[in-house]
Amino acid sequence: MAAALSLLPRAAAVRLVAPRGRASASRLLCAAAAGEPSNSPAAPRRLVLYTKPGCCLCDGLKEKLHAATLLAGTPYSLASLELQERDITTDPEWERLYQYEIPVLAKVLPDGTEEILPRLSPRLSVELIQKKVSSVFDQ
């Protein structure tokens, strides 16, 4: 994994984490701004992506969200975005709620609850996805 991280731009990092109370691992994609200390006082902007294996729409959105976190030089930087993937097949409640809706993107509120966001079209450009996701945190 260290070799893979060395291939990413300096501003990006990928970390595997185990979700609380779940047996399976989920990925947390975290892009930290270049030169910014890791213990910055600003609260992290957190999103959850509900997905499942073999979902081509989910895979496309994951790729675009990851690219949006790496895109620099725009006023809509997602450098501090934390994106956690949750496989709905690992939790019966998630599967019941989202089996016909995935990919589902949710904003994690300061109290830990989640706000489901409007679906992002798979045809949107990376720049437009960056702008739309950034605007969710400006509200």
Protein backbone atom coordinates (compact mmCIF):
# COMPACT_ATOMS: atom_id res chain seq x y z
CA MET A 1 0.00 0.00 0.00
CA ALA A 2 2.90 2.35 0.72
CA ALA A 3 4.02 2.03 -2.88
CA ALA A 4 0.55 2.95 -4.09
CA LEU A 5 0.48 6.01 -1.83
CA SER A 6 3.78 7.22 -3.22
CA LEU A 7 2.19 7.37 -6.68
CA LEU A 8 -0.56 9.74 -5.54
CA PRO A 9 -0.08 13.51 -5.62
CA ARG A 10 1.38 14.97 -2.43
CA ALA A 11 -1.98 16.34 -1.30
CA ALA A 12 -3.73 12.96 -1.24
CA ALA A 13 -3.78 10.08 1.18
CA VAL A 14 -5.83 6.91 1.22
CA ARG A 15 -6.49 5.14 4.50
CA LEU A 16 -8.36 1.91 5.24
CA VAL A 17 -10.50 1.93 8.34
CA ALA A 18 -12.90 -0.48 9.97
CA PRO A 19 -16.33 1.06 10.55
CA ARG A 20 -17.56 1.18 14.12
CA GLY A 21 -19.56 -1.90 14.99
CA ARG A 22 -19.13 -3.52 11.57
CA ALA A 23 -17.13 -6.61 10.66
CA SER A 24 -16.09 -5.48 7.20
CA ALA A 25 -13.65 -2.74 6.33
CA SER A 26 -14.66 0.36 4.48
CA ARG A 27 -12.45 2.89 2.82
CA LEU A 28 -11.95 6.38 4.04
CA LEU A 29 -10.56 8.65 1.37
CA CYS A 30 -9.01 11.69 2.89
CA ALA A 31 -7.24 14.36 0.93
CA ALA A 32 -5.31 16.78 3.08
CA ALA A 33 -4.28 20.13 1.69
CA ALA A 34 -0.61 20.29 0.84
CA GLY A 35 1.32 21.92 3.61
CA GLU A 36 -1.69 22.06 5.94
CA PRO A 37 -1.08 20.47 9.35
CA SER A 38 -3.07 17.31 9.98
CA ASN A 39 -4.47 18.71 13.24
CA SER A 40 -6.10 21.75 11.67
CA PRO A 41 -8.75 23.40 13.88
CA ALA A 42 -11.49 23.32 11.20
CA ALA A 43 -13.96 20.47 11.52
CA PRO A 44 -13.58 17.89 8.77
CA ARG A 45 -16.17 17.79 6.03
CA ARG A 46 -17.48 14.25 6.00
CA LEU A 47 -19.52 12.33 3.45
CA VAL A 48 -20.72 8.74 3.40
CA LEU A 49 -21.19 6.89 0.13
CA TYR A 50 -23.54 3.91 0.31
CA THR A 51 -22.54 1.42 -2.36
CA LYS A 52 -22.26 -2.29 -3.11
CA PRO A 53 -19.91 -4.50 -5.13
CA GLY A 54 -20.62 -4.61 -8.83
CA CYS A 55 -22.49 -1.30 -8.94
CA CYS A 56 -21.13 0.54 -11.98
CA LEU A 57 -22.90 3.81 -11.03
CA CYS A 58 -21.28 3.58 -7.58
CA ASP A 59 -17.85 2.94 -9.07
CA GLY A 60 -18.23 5.92 -11.41
CA LEU A 61 -19.25 8.25 -8.60
CA LYS A 62 -16.39 7.00 -6.38
CA GLU A 63 -13.89 7.75 -9.14
CA LYS A 64 -15.28 11.23 -9.73
CA LEU A 65 -15.40 12.05 -6.00
CA HIS A 66 -11.82 10.90 -5.58
CA ALA A 67 -10.74 12.98 -8.59
CA ALA A 68 -12.64 15.96 -7.16
CA THR A 69 -10.67 15.71 -3.89
CA LEU A 70 -7.42 15.80 -5.86
CA LEU A 71 -8.43 18.71 -8.12
CA ALA A 72 -6.51 21.77 -7.03
CA GLY A 73 -6.63 25.41 -8.04
CA THR A 74 -10.38 25.94 -7.78
CA PRO A 75 -12.41 27.95 -5.26
CA TYR A 76 -14.34 24.76 -4.41
CA SER A 77 -11.49 22.76 -2.90
CA LEU A 78 -12.40 19.46 -1.30
CA ALA A 79 -8.97 19.10 0.28
CA SER A 80 -10.39 18.42 3.76
CA LEU A 81 -13.14 16.06 2.57
CA GLU A 82 -13.41 12.67 4.25
CA LEU A 83 -15.34 10.13 2.18
CA GLN A 84 -16.33 6.87 3.82
CA GLU A 85 -17.69 4.04 1.70
CA ARG A 86 -20.31 1.75 3.22
CA ASP A 87 -21.15 -1.53 1.53
CA ILE A 88 -24.92 -1.95 1.96
CA THR A 89 -24.61 -5.75 1.72
CA THR A 90 -22.87 -5.77 5.13
CA ASP A 91 -25.84 -4.33 7.03
CA PRO A 92 -29.47 -5.44 6.58
CA GLU A 93 -30.80 -1.99 7.50
CA TRP A 94 -28.63 -0.22 4.91
CA GLU A 95 -29.66 -2.80 2.32
CA ARG A 96 -33.34 -2.30 3.12
CA LEU A 97 -33.02 1.49 2.92
CA TYR A 98 -30.77 1.87 -0.11
CA GLN A 99 -30.93 -1.30 -2.25
CA TYR A 100 -32.82 0.48 -5.05
CA GLU A 101 -31.23 3.90 -4.57
CA ILE A 102 -27.46 3.40 -4.66
CA PRO A 103 -25.22 5.20 -5.01
CA VAL A 104 -26.44 7.27 -2.07
CA LEU A 105 -24.35 10.15 -0.78
CA ALA A 106 -24.95 11.48 2.74
CA LYS A 107 -23.47 14.45 4.58
CA VAL A 108 -22.43 13.71 8.16
CA LEU A 109 -23.75 16.46 10.41
CA PRO A 110 -21.84 17.68 13.50
CA ASP A 111 -24.08 15.59 15.80
CA GLY A 112 -23.21 12.43 13.82
CA THR A 113 -26.53 12.10 12.02
CA GLU A 114 -26.65 11.91 8.25
CA GLU A 115 -28.45 14.05 5.71
CA ILE A 116 -29.10 12.30 2.39
CA LEU A 117 -28.01 14.49 -0.52
CA PRO A 118 -29.66 14.80 -3.92
CA ARG A 119 -28.33 12.28 -6.43
CA LEU A 120 -25.41 13.47 -8.54
CA SER A 121 -25.73 12.68 -12.23
CA PRO A 122 -23.04 10.31 -13.49
CA ARG A 123 -22.63 12.62 -16.48
CA LEU A 124 -21.42 15.57 -14.37
CA SER A 125 -17.84 16.68 -14.83
CA VAL A 126 -15.37 16.34 -11.96
CA GLU A 127 -15.32 20.15 -11.65
CA LEU A 128 -19.10 20.34 -11.33
CA ILE A 129 -19.18 17.52 -8.78
CA GLN A 130 -16.52 19.39 -6.80
CA LYS A 131 -18.65 22.55 -6.90
CA LYS A 132 -21.87 20.76 -5.89
CA VAL A 133 -20.24 18.86 -3.01
CA SER A 134 -18.50 22.00 -1.79
CA SER A 135 -21.79 23.92 -1.83
CA VAL A 136 -23.37 21.31 0.48
CA PHE A 137 -20.92 22.34 3.20
CA ASP A 138 -21.45 26.07 2.63
CA GLN A 139 -25.11 25.86 3.68
